[in-house]
Amino acid sequence: MDRARLAAYLRTRRETVQPEDVGLPRGGRRRTRGLRREEVAVLSDMSVDYYTRLEQPRGPHPSEQMIDAVARGLRLSMEEHDHLRTLAGYATPRRSADSGHVNPGMRRIFDGVGETAAQVVTALGETLLQTPLSVALIGDESVHTGWARSLHYRWFTDPAARQLHPDEDRDAQSRLVVADLLRSYTRDGVESRTATLVGLLLTASPEFARLWRDQPVAGPYCGPVRLRHPRVGPLELHCQRLIDPDQAQQLVMYTAAPGTAADERLRLLAVLGAVDLPGQPVQEGRPG
């Protein structure tokens, strides 16, 4: 059980929930940014003293039932609930993200995606395989070495890594990258390559350090993606992830709705082929 991180996570989540979200009156003299501790305690069906000790942190090791009750009280998403359980010591088995070998099942699926813009990546954002259209869309990810193989690392250390994304989307993308690393860090533990990468970024990037303190949690999907491609112009794409059972690798695919301008531009890009994009190659440090 990580008492300090559990306490910090409870505080950050409590501050994001508004009284109206849970059917409570706001009142005229509220100083707390989100819910009060006593409100969370009532919503979680526990004493105020017990919940307060969890946040300080000085309470006993909460049972799974207590953790689940707090998750319900704070209206946590499934992913946030899982993260809370992990911090309380009820974690899924630790899985390694160290392997650069593409597992056979993922390879078979990748071989079948044909002309789709797709890539196989590790939990740290290291690209292992790319289709030709993926290379044409986002550049050849194989040129990077050391820690720069990780898109998560490049996002916070190399401004060129952000150039395909519109300015107004970059803050949200930063939070998604941090949330992805937080999920891996919680699963893999303090002796993992994930922990080493987090340590490097905490030192190298004040932005990363600030977002890491917020402990953002995201869902297991990409969602809509907007890119500004230097050859075909703006693209509004759909992103889908297929995550393998041990969560060490993901197949990421970018598609466009049929008949849209983005669909036409992807088809054009498939004909034009790969192009050198900003930020290639980059060499930063050595792999852990």
C-alpha atoms as a PDB file:
ATOM      1  CA  MET A   1       0.000   0.000   0.000  1.00  0.00           C
ATOM      2  CA  ASP A   2       1.330   3.418  -0.977  1.00  0.00           C
ATOM      3  CA  ARG A   3      -0.185   5.607   1.740  1.00  0.00           C
ATOM      4  CA  ALA A   4       1.224   8.911   0.500  1.00  0.00           C
ATOM      5  CA  ARG A   5       0.137   8.443  -3.107  1.00  0.00           C
ATOM      6  CA  LEU A   6      -3.228   7.062  -2.024  1.00  0.00           C
ATOM      7  CA  ALA A   7      -3.818  10.129   0.116  1.00  0.00           C
ATOM      8  CA  ALA A   8      -2.722  12.511  -2.644  1.00  0.00           C
ATOM      9  CA  TYR A   9      -4.924  10.751  -5.164  1.00  0.00           C
ATOM     10  CA  LEU A  10      -7.981  10.942  -2.911  1.00  0.00           C
ATOM     11  CA  ARG A  11      -7.401  14.680  -2.409  1.00  0.00           C
ATOM     12  CA  THR A  12      -7.025  15.414  -6.115  1.00  0.00           C
ATOM     13  CA  ARG A  13     -10.132  13.421  -7.004  1.00  0.00           C
ATOM     14  CA  ARG A  14     -12.197  15.014  -4.214  1.00  0.00           C
ATOM     15  CA  GLU A  15     -11.241  18.476  -5.475  1.00  0.00           C
ATOM     16  CA  THR A  16     -12.506  17.671  -8.981  1.00  0.00           C
ATOM     17  CA  VAL A  17     -16.008  16.559  -7.916  1.00  0.00           C
ATOM     18  CA  GLN A  18     -18.519  19.375  -7.540  1.00  0.00           C
ATOM     19  CA  PRO A  19     -21.500  19.201  -5.136  1.00  0.00           C
ATOM     20  CA  GLU A  20     -23.937  19.362  -8.059  1.00  0.00           C
ATOM     21  CA  ASP A  21     -22.290  16.249  -9.538  1.00  0.00           C
ATOM     22  CA  VAL A  22     -23.465  14.164  -6.590  1.00  0.00           C
ATOM     23  CA  GLY A  23     -26.790  15.894  -5.858  1.00  0.00           C
ATOM     24  CA  LEU A  24     -25.582  18.105  -3.001  1.00  0.00           C
ATOM     25  CA  PRO A  25     -26.320  21.828  -2.565  1.00  0.00           C
ATOM     26  CA  ARG A  26     -23.358  24.127  -3.144  1.00  0.00           C
ATOM     27  CA  GLY A  27     -24.177  26.682  -0.440  1.00  0.00           C
ATOM     28  CA  GLY A  28     -23.013  30.280  -0.288  1.00  0.00           C
ATOM     29  CA  ARG A  29     -19.783  30.062   1.736  1.00  0.00           C
ATOM     30  CA  ARG A  30     -17.980  27.079   0.249  1.00  0.00           C
ATOM     31  CA  ARG A  31     -14.198  27.446   0.343  1.00  0.00           C
ATOM     32  CA  THR A  32     -13.271  23.956  -0.795  1.00  0.00           C
ATOM     33  CA  ARG A  33     -12.583  23.589  -4.536  1.00  0.00           C
ATOM     34  CA  GLY A  34     -14.639  20.407  -4.749  1.00  0.00           C
ATOM     35  CA  LEU A  35     -16.319  18.281  -2.116  1.00  0.00           C
ATOM     36  CA  ARG A  36     -15.648  18.568   1.602  1.00  0.00           C
ATOM     37  CA  ARG A  37     -14.219  15.556   3.412  1.00  0.00           C
ATOM     38  CA  GLU A  38     -17.387  15.114   5.413  1.00  0.00           C
ATOM     39  CA  GLU A  39     -19.411  15.026   2.205  1.00  0.00           C
ATOM     40  CA  VAL A  40     -17.230  12.276   0.758  1.00  0.00           C
ATOM     41  CA  ALA A  41     -17.557  10.353   4.014  1.00  0.00           C
ATOM     42  CA  VAL A  42     -21.356  10.497   3.860  1.00  0.00           C
ATOM     43  CA  LEU A  43     -21.399   9.516   0.195  1.00  0.00           C
ATOM     44  CA  SER A  44     -19.054   6.608   0.983  1.00  0.00           C
ATOM     45  CA  ASP A  45     -21.002   5.481   4.065  1.00  0.00           C
ATOM     46  CA  MET A  46     -18.087   5.808   6.483  1.00  0.00           C
ATOM     47  CA  SER A  47     -17.124   8.048   9.379  1.00  0.00           C
ATOM     48  CA  VAL A  48     -15.577  11.449   8.712  1.00  0.00           C
ATOM     49  CA  ASP A  49     -12.633  10.528  10.968  1.00  0.00           C
ATOM     50  CA  TYR A  50     -11.907   7.358   8.978  1.00  0.00           C
ATOM     51  CA  TYR A  51     -11.938   9.146   5.632  1.00  0.00           C
ATOM     52  CA  THR A  52      -9.874  12.047   6.997  1.00  0.00           C
ATOM     53  CA  ARG A  53      -7.169   9.662   8.190  1.00  0.00           C
ATOM     54  CA  LEU A  54      -6.995   8.133   4.706  1.00  0.00           C
ATOM     55  CA  GLU A  55      -6.241  11.560   3.249  1.00  0.00           C
ATOM     56  CA  GLN A  56      -3.655  12.672   5.827  1.00  0.00           C
ATOM     57  CA  PRO A  57      -2.342   9.767   5.545  1.00  0.00           C
ATOM     58  CA  ARG A  58      -2.426   7.995   8.886  1.00  0.00           C
ATOM     59  CA  GLY A  59      -5.295   5.567   8.736  1.00  0.00           C
ATOM     60  CA  PRO A  60      -5.366   1.784   8.771  1.00  0.00           C
ATOM     61  CA  HIS A  61      -5.015  -0.257   5.626  1.00  0.00           C
ATOM     62  CA  PRO A  62      -8.494   0.092   4.087  1.00  0.00           C
ATOM     63  CA  SER A  63     -10.288  -3.060   3.067  1.00  0.00           C
ATOM     64  CA  GLU A  64     -11.319  -3.670  -0.535  1.00  0.00           C
ATOM     65  CA  GLN A  65     -14.889  -2.906   0.481  1.00  0.00           C
ATOM     66  CA  MET A  66     -13.834   0.493   1.863  1.00  0.00           C
ATOM     67  CA  ILE A  67     -11.866   1.313  -1.282  1.00  0.00           C
ATOM     68  CA  ASP A  68     -14.847   0.384  -3.441  1.00  0.00           C
ATOM     69  CA  ALA A  69     -17.115   2.536  -1.269  1.00  0.00           C
ATOM     70  CA  VAL A  70     -14.836   5.566  -1.639  1.00  0.00           C
ATOM     71  CA  ALA A  71     -14.726   4.996  -5.404  1.00  0.00           C
ATOM     72  CA  ARG A  72     -18.514   5.077  -5.509  1.00  0.00           C
ATOM     73  CA  GLY A  73     -18.654   8.153  -3.301  1.00  0.00           C
ATOM     74  CA  LEU A  74     -16.198  10.054  -5.496  1.00  0.00           C
ATOM     75  CA  ARG A  75     -17.939   8.848  -8.682  1.00  0.00           C
ATOM     76  CA  LEU A  76     -14.677   7.446 -10.040  1.00  0.00           C
ATOM     77  CA  SER A  77     -14.510   6.031 -13.528  1.00  0.00           C
ATOM     78  CA  MET A  78     -13.615   2.365 -13.972  1.00  0.00           C
ATOM     79  CA  GLU A  79      -9.991   3.283 -14.719  1.00  0.00           C
ATOM     80  CA  GLU A  80      -9.783   5.655 -11.723  1.00  0.00           C
ATOM     81  CA  HIS A  81     -11.327   2.979  -9.504  1.00  0.00           C
ATOM     82  CA  ASP A  82      -8.746   0.435 -10.670  1.00  0.00           C
ATOM     83  CA  HIS A  83      -5.958   2.924  -9.981  1.00  0.00           C
ATOM     84  CA  LEU A  84      -7.294   3.558  -6.466  1.00  0.00           C
ATOM     85  CA  ARG A  85      -7.390  -0.181  -5.753  1.00  0.00           C
ATOM     86  CA  THR A  86      -3.812  -0.538  -6.943  1.00  0.00           C
ATOM     87  CA  LEU A  87      -2.593   2.261  -4.666  1.00  0.00           C
ATOM     88  CA  ALA A  88      -4.353   0.586  -1.748  1.00  0.00           C
ATOM     89  CA  GLY A  89      -2.426  -2.622  -2.394  1.00  0.00           C
ATOM     90  CA  TYR A  90      -5.044  -4.539  -4.353  1.00  0.00           C
ATOM     91  CA  ALA A  91      -3.053  -4.534  -7.574  1.00  0.00           C
ATOM     92  CA  THR A  92      -3.154  -6.731 -10.627  1.00  0.00           C
ATOM     93  CA  PRO A  93       0.015  -8.811 -11.145  1.00  0.00           C
ATOM     94  CA  ARG A  94       2.959  -6.707 -12.217  1.00  0.00           C
ATOM     95  CA  ARG A  95       3.696  -7.060 -15.899  1.00  0.00           C
ATOM     96  CA  SER A  96       6.890  -6.275 -17.716  1.00  0.00           C
ATOM     97  CA  ALA A  97       7.017  -3.559 -20.398  1.00  0.00           C
ATOM     98  CA  ASP A  98      10.680  -4.273 -21.101  1.00  0.00           C
ATOM     99  CA  SER A  99      10.408  -6.597 -24.086  1.00  0.00           C
ATOM    100  CA  GLY A 100      10.954  -5.250 -27.574  1.00  0.00           C
ATOM    101  CA  HIS A 101       9.660  -8.513 -29.058  1.00  0.00           C
ATOM    102  CA  VAL A 102       6.239  -8.328 -30.710  1.00  0.00           C
ATOM    103  CA  ASN A 103       4.134 -11.165 -29.390  1.00  0.00           C
ATOM    104  CA  PRO A 104       2.832 -13.620 -32.036  1.00  0.00           C
ATOM    105  CA  GLY A 105      -0.834 -12.733 -31.630  1.00  0.00           C
ATOM    106  CA  MET A 106      -0.197  -9.030 -32.031  1.00  0.00           C
ATOM    107  CA  ARG A 107       2.022  -9.717 -35.048  1.00  0.00           C
ATOM    108  CA  ARG A 108      -0.740 -11.700 -36.776  1.00  0.00           C
ATOM    109  CA  ILE A 109      -3.247  -8.899 -36.238  1.00  0.00           C
ATOM    110  CA  PHE A 110      -0.745  -6.300 -37.437  1.00  0.00           C
ATOM    111  CA  ASP A 111      -0.046  -8.309 -40.584  1.00  0.00           C
ATOM    112  CA  GLY A 112      -3.759  -8.272 -41.342  1.00  0.00           C
ATOM    113  CA  VAL A 113      -4.425  -4.532 -41.110  1.00  0.00           C
ATOM    114  CA  GLY A 114      -3.231  -4.013 -44.671  1.00  0.00           C
ATOM    115  CA  GLU A 115      -3.129  -0.391 -45.792  1.00  0.00           C
ATOM    116  CA  THR A 116      -4.329   1.089 -42.490  1.00  0.00           C
ATOM    117  CA  ALA A 117      -2.138   3.572 -40.623  1.00  0.00           C
ATOM    118  CA  ALA A 118      -1.179   1.295 -37.737  1.00  0.00           C
ATOM    119  CA  GLN A 119       1.692   0.674 -35.344  1.00  0.00           C
ATOM    120  CA  VAL A 120       2.571  -1.635 -32.475  1.00  0.00           C
ATOM    121  CA  VAL A 121       3.862   0.238 -29.442  1.00  0.00           C
ATOM    122  CA  THR A 122       5.006  -0.666 -25.944  1.00  0.00           C
ATOM    123  CA  ALA A 123       3.465   0.722 -22.771  1.00  0.00           C
ATOM    124  CA  LEU A 124       6.193   3.390 -22.814  1.00  0.00           C
ATOM    125  CA  GLY A 125       5.280   4.608 -26.286  1.00  0.00           C
ATOM    126  CA  GLU A 126       8.145   2.844 -28.093  1.00  0.00           C
ATOM    127  CA  THR A 127       7.157   1.890 -31.635  1.00  0.00           C
ATOM    128  CA  LEU A 128       8.025  -1.699 -32.577  1.00  0.00           C
ATOM    129  CA  LEU A 129       6.258  -1.962 -35.946  1.00  0.00           C
ATOM    130  CA  GLN A 130       4.697   0.481 -38.415  1.00  0.00           C
ATOM    131  CA  THR A 131       2.730   0.081 -41.607  1.00  0.00           C
ATOM    132  CA  PRO A 132       3.853   2.196 -44.581  1.00  0.00           C
ATOM    133  CA  LEU A 133       0.873   4.530 -44.162  1.00  0.00           C
ATOM    134  CA  SER A 134       1.744   5.015 -40.476  1.00  0.00           C
ATOM    135  CA  VAL A 135       5.258   6.045 -41.513  1.00  0.00           C
ATOM    136  CA  ALA A 136       3.817   8.470 -44.054  1.00  0.00           C
ATOM    137  CA  LEU A 137       1.396   9.876 -41.472  1.00  0.00           C
ATOM    138  CA  ILE A 138       3.562  10.366 -38.385  1.00  0.00           C
ATOM    139  CA  GLY A 139       7.093   9.683 -39.604  1.00  0.00           C
ATOM    140  CA  ASP A 140       9.497   6.791 -39.237  1.00  0.00           C
ATOM    141  CA  GLU A 141       9.600   6.031 -35.518  1.00  0.00           C
ATOM    142  CA  SER A 142      12.440   3.540 -35.940  1.00  0.00           C
ATOM    143  CA  VAL A 143      15.031   6.315 -36.371  1.00  0.00           C
ATOM    144  CA  HIS A 144      14.970   7.212 -32.679  1.00  0.00           C
ATOM    145  CA  THR A 145      17.423   5.704 -30.206  1.00  0.00           C
ATOM    146  CA  GLY A 146      17.851   5.567 -26.439  1.00  0.00           C
ATOM    147  CA  TRP A 147      15.038   7.007 -24.388  1.00  0.00           C
ATOM    148  CA  ALA A 148      13.967   9.050 -27.419  1.00  0.00           C
ATOM    149  CA  ARG A 149      12.433   5.823 -28.756  1.00  0.00           C
ATOM    150  CA  SER A 150       9.619   6.618 -26.320  1.00  0.00           C
ATOM    151  CA  LEU A 151       7.105   9.118 -27.673  1.00  0.00           C
ATOM    152  CA  HIS A 152       6.268   9.875 -24.040  1.00  0.00           C
ATOM    153  CA  TYR A 153       9.864  11.000 -23.496  1.00  0.00           C
ATOM    154  CA  ARG A 154      10.021  13.007 -26.724  1.00  0.00           C
ATOM    155  CA  TRP A 155       6.726  14.735 -26.027  1.00  0.00           C
ATOM    156  CA  PHE A 156       8.184  16.467 -22.976  1.00  0.00           C
ATOM    157  CA  THR A 157      11.802  16.896 -24.107  1.00  0.00           C
ATOM    158  CA  ASP A 158      11.692  17.598 -27.846  1.00  0.00           C
ATOM    159  CA  PRO A 159       9.396  20.405 -29.134  1.00  0.00           C
ATOM    160  CA  ALA A 160       9.422  18.806 -32.599  1.00  0.00           C
ATOM    161  CA  ALA A 161       7.399  15.885 -31.219  1.00  0.00           C
ATOM    162  CA  ARG A 162       4.391  18.209 -30.882  1.00  0.00           C
ATOM    163  CA  GLN A 163       4.484  19.816 -34.295  1.00  0.00           C
ATOM    164  CA  LEU A 164       1.903  17.500 -35.866  1.00  0.00           C
ATOM    165  CA  HIS A 165      -0.632  18.510 -33.194  1.00  0.00           C
ATOM    166  CA  PRO A 166      -2.545  21.822 -33.250  1.00  0.00           C
ATOM    167  CA  ASP A 167      -1.499  24.215 -30.492  1.00  0.00           C
ATOM    168  CA  GLU A 168      -4.921  24.090 -28.852  1.00  0.00           C
ATOM    169  CA  ASP A 169      -4.779  20.281 -28.498  1.00  0.00           C
ATOM    170  CA  ARG A 170      -1.359  20.010 -26.884  1.00  0.00           C
ATOM    171  CA  ASP A 171      -2.353  20.541 -23.241  1.00  0.00           C
ATOM    172  CA  ALA A 172      -4.913  17.746 -23.436  1.00  0.00           C
ATOM    173  CA  GLN A 173      -2.393  15.513 -25.166  1.00  0.00           C
ATOM    174  CA  SER A 174       0.132  16.179 -22.405  1.00  0.00           C
ATOM    175  CA  ARG A 175      -2.368  15.002 -19.791  1.00  0.00           C
ATOM    176  CA  LEU A 176      -3.086  11.859 -21.804  1.00  0.00           C
ATOM    177  CA  VAL A 177       0.621  11.035 -22.031  1.00  0.00           C
ATOM    178  CA  VAL A 178       1.077  11.505 -18.271  1.00  0.00           C
ATOM    179  CA  ALA A 179      -2.029   9.421 -17.535  1.00  0.00           C
ATOM    180  CA  ASP A 180      -0.669   6.637 -19.736  1.00  0.00           C
ATOM    181  CA  LEU A 181       2.658   6.670 -17.893  1.00  0.00           C
ATOM    182  CA  LEU A 182       0.914   6.782 -14.512  1.00  0.00           C
ATOM    183  CA  ARG A 183      -1.041   3.650 -15.394  1.00  0.00           C
ATOM    184  CA  SER A 184       2.162   1.841 -16.390  1.00  0.00           C
ATOM    185  CA  TYR A 185       4.055   3.100 -13.330  1.00  0.00           C
ATOM    186  CA  THR A 186       1.332   1.936 -10.963  1.00  0.00           C
ATOM    187  CA  ARG A 187       1.300  -1.499 -12.593  1.00  0.00           C
ATOM    188  CA  ASP A 188       5.049  -2.000 -13.065  1.00  0.00           C
ATOM    189  CA  GLY A 189       6.389  -0.598  -9.783  1.00  0.00           C
ATOM    190  CA  VAL A 190       9.384   1.428  -8.617  1.00  0.00           C
ATOM    191  CA  GLU A 191      12.043  -0.952  -9.971  1.00  0.00           C
ATOM    192  CA  SER A 192      10.812  -0.858 -13.571  1.00  0.00           C
ATOM    193  CA  ARG A 193      11.907   0.944 -16.724  1.00  0.00           C
ATOM    194  CA  THR A 194       8.672   2.915 -16.390  1.00  0.00           C
ATOM    195  CA  ALA A 195       9.896   4.281 -13.051  1.00  0.00           C
ATOM    196  CA  THR A 196      13.244   5.193 -14.620  1.00  0.00           C
ATOM    197  CA  LEU A 197      11.491   7.080 -17.414  1.00  0.00           C
ATOM    198  CA  VAL A 198       9.261   8.898 -14.928  1.00  0.00           C
ATOM    199  CA  GLY A 199      12.343   9.935 -12.944  1.00  0.00           C
ATOM    200  CA  LEU A 200      14.024  11.299 -16.069  1.00  0.00           C
ATOM    201  CA  LEU A 201      10.958  13.312 -17.022  1.00  0.00           C
ATOM    202  CA  LEU A 202      10.438  14.683 -13.511  1.00  0.00           C
ATOM    203  CA  THR A 203      13.937  16.144 -13.770  1.00  0.00           C
ATOM    204  CA  ALA A 204      13.772  17.245 -17.402  1.00  0.00           C
ATOM    205  CA  SER A 205      10.297  18.762 -17.666  1.00  0.00           C
ATOM    206  CA  PRO A 206       8.525  21.120 -15.232  1.00  0.00           C
ATOM    207  CA  GLU A 207       5.335  20.572 -17.239  1.00  0.00           C
ATOM    208  CA  PHE A 208       5.540  16.830 -16.712  1.00  0.00           C
ATOM    209  CA  ALA A 209       6.287  17.295 -12.994  1.00  0.00           C
ATOM    210  CA  ARG A 210       3.240  19.535 -12.591  1.00  0.00           C
ATOM    211  CA  LEU A 211       0.922  17.121 -14.374  1.00  0.00           C
ATOM    212  CA  TRP A 212       2.394  14.133 -12.515  1.00  0.00           C
ATOM    213  CA  ARG A 213       1.411  15.747  -9.207  1.00  0.00           C
ATOM    214  CA  ASP A 214      -2.205  15.883 -10.460  1.00  0.00           C
ATOM    215  CA  GLN A 215      -2.225  12.095 -11.080  1.00  0.00           C
ATOM    216  CA  PRO A 216      -4.505  12.193 -14.155  1.00  0.00           C
ATOM    217  CA  VAL A 217      -6.246   8.968 -15.141  1.00  0.00           C
ATOM    218  CA  ALA A 218      -7.470   8.332 -18.694  1.00  0.00           C
ATOM    219  CA  GLY A 219      -9.567   5.649 -20.332  1.00  0.00           C
ATOM    220  CA  PRO A 220      -8.087   2.827 -22.440  1.00  0.00           C
ATOM    221  CA  TYR A 221      -8.826   4.431 -25.798  1.00  0.00           C
ATOM    222  CA  CYS A 222      -7.341   7.133 -27.989  1.00  0.00           C
ATOM    223  CA  GLY A 223     -10.407   9.068 -29.096  1.00  0.00           C
ATOM    224  CA  PRO A 224     -10.453  11.677 -31.893  1.00  0.00           C
ATOM    225  CA  VAL A 225      -7.072  12.935 -33.089  1.00  0.00           C
ATOM    226  CA  ARG A 226      -6.347  16.068 -35.096  1.00  0.00           C
ATOM    227  CA  LEU A 227      -3.063  16.316 -36.986  1.00  0.00           C
ATOM    228  CA  ARG A 228      -1.501  18.997 -39.162  1.00  0.00           C
ATOM    229  CA  HIS A 229       0.412  17.120 -41.828  1.00  0.00           C
ATOM    230  CA  PRO A 230       3.063  19.042 -43.811  1.00  0.00           C
ATOM    231  CA  ARG A 231       2.075  17.436 -47.153  1.00  0.00           C
ATOM    232  CA  VAL A 232      -1.683  16.912 -47.097  1.00  0.00           C
ATOM    233  CA  GLY A 233      -2.870  19.446 -44.522  1.00  0.00           C
ATOM    234  CA  PRO A 234      -5.201  19.024 -41.518  1.00  0.00           C
ATOM    235  CA  LEU A 235      -6.551  15.571 -40.670  1.00  0.00           C
ATOM    236  CA  GLU A 236      -9.365  14.647 -38.292  1.00  0.00           C
ATOM    237  CA  LEU A 237      -8.890  10.976 -37.482  1.00  0.00           C
ATOM    238  CA  HIS A 238     -10.327   8.285 -35.270  1.00  0.00           C
ATOM    239  CA  CYS A 239      -7.893   6.358 -33.096  1.00  0.00           C
ATOM    240  CA  GLN A 240      -8.440   2.813 -31.869  1.00  0.00           C
ATOM    241  CA  ARG A 241      -6.271   0.751 -29.543  1.00  0.00           C
ATOM    242  CA  LEU A 242      -6.069  -2.992 -29.218  1.00  0.00           C
ATOM    243  CA  ILE A 243      -4.288  -3.841 -25.965  1.00  0.00           C
ATOM    244  CA  ASP A 244      -2.778  -7.291 -25.544  1.00  0.00           C
ATOM    245  CA  PRO A 245      -3.740  -9.350 -22.461  1.00  0.00           C
ATOM    246  CA  ASP A 246      -0.601  -8.521 -20.459  1.00  0.00           C
ATOM    247  CA  GLN A 247      -0.898  -4.800 -21.359  1.00  0.00           C
ATOM    248  CA  ALA A 248       2.729  -4.653 -22.480  1.00  0.00           C
ATOM    249  CA  GLN A 249       1.931  -3.839 -26.118  1.00  0.00           C
ATOM    250  CA  GLN A 250      -0.791  -2.049 -28.053  1.00  0.00           C
ATOM    251  CA  LEU A 251      -1.870  -1.931 -31.675  1.00  0.00           C
ATOM    252  CA  VAL A 252      -2.781   1.675 -32.488  1.00  0.00           C
ATOM    253  CA  MET A 253      -4.746   2.406 -35.671  1.00  0.00           C
ATOM    254  CA  TYR A 254      -5.694   5.739 -37.234  1.00  0.00           C
ATOM    255  CA  THR A 255      -8.671   5.851 -39.585  1.00  0.00           C
ATOM    256  CA  ALA A 256     -10.913   8.472 -41.179  1.00  0.00           C
ATOM    257  CA  ALA A 257     -14.659   8.403 -41.757  1.00  0.00           C
ATOM    258  CA  PRO A 258     -15.389   7.330 -45.348  1.00  0.00           C
ATOM    259  CA  GLY A 259     -16.081  10.175 -47.732  1.00  0.00           C
ATOM    260  CA  THR A 260     -14.563  12.877 -45.536  1.00  0.00           C
ATOM    261  CA  ALA A 261     -11.756  15.232 -46.450  1.00  0.00           C
ATOM    262  CA  ALA A 262      -9.514  13.352 -44.019  1.00  0.00           C
ATOM    263  CA  ASP A 263     -10.302  10.088 -45.822  1.00  0.00           C
ATOM    264  CA  GLU A 264      -9.287  11.622 -49.158  1.00  0.00           C
ATOM    265  CA  ARG A 265      -6.110  13.026 -47.672  1.00  0.00           C
ATOM    266  CA  LEU A 266      -5.149   9.676 -46.116  1.00  0.00           C
ATOM    267  CA  ARG A 267      -5.608   8.055 -49.540  1.00  0.00           C
ATOM    268  CA  LEU A 268      -3.401  10.740 -51.072  1.00  0.00           C
ATOM    269  CA  LEU A 269      -0.806  10.207 -48.372  1.00  0.00           C
ATOM    270  CA  ALA A 270      -0.756   6.486 -49.144  1.00  0.00           C
ATOM    271  CA  VAL A 271       0.178   7.370 -52.722  1.00  0.00           C
ATOM    272  CA  LEU A 272       2.737  10.027 -51.782  1.00  0.00           C
ATOM    273  CA  GLY A 273       4.491   7.744 -49.301  1.00  0.00           C
ATOM    274  CA  ALA A 274       6.764   8.597 -46.410  1.00  0.00           C
ATOM    275  CA  VAL A 275       8.199  12.025 -45.773  1.00  0.00           C
ATOM    276  CA  ASP A 276      10.829  13.223 -43.329  1.00  0.00           C
ATOM    277  CA  LEU A 277       8.954  14.873 -40.485  1.00  0.00           C
ATOM    278  CA  PRO A 278      10.284  17.272 -37.820  1.00  0.00           C
ATOM    279  CA  GLY A 279      12.174  15.683 -34.977  1.00  0.00           C
ATOM    280  CA  GLN A 280      13.936  12.846 -36.824  1.00  0.00           C
ATOM    281  CA  PRO A 281      16.313  11.486 -35.851  1.00  0.00           C
ATOM    282  CA  VAL A 282      16.729  12.193 -32.162  1.00  0.00           C
ATOM    283  CA  GLN A 283      19.257  10.516 -29.870  1.00  0.00           C
ATOM    284  CA  GLU A 284      18.822  10.922 -26.144  1.00  0.00           C
ATOM    285  CA  GLY A 285      20.627   8.770 -23.604  1.00  0.00           C
ATOM    286  CA  ARG A 286      20.621   4.988 -23.611  1.00  0.00           C
ATOM    287  CA  PRO A 287      17.740   2.585 -23.195  1.00  0.00           C
ATOM    288  CA  GLY A 288      17.198   1.403 -19.674  1.00  0.00           C
END
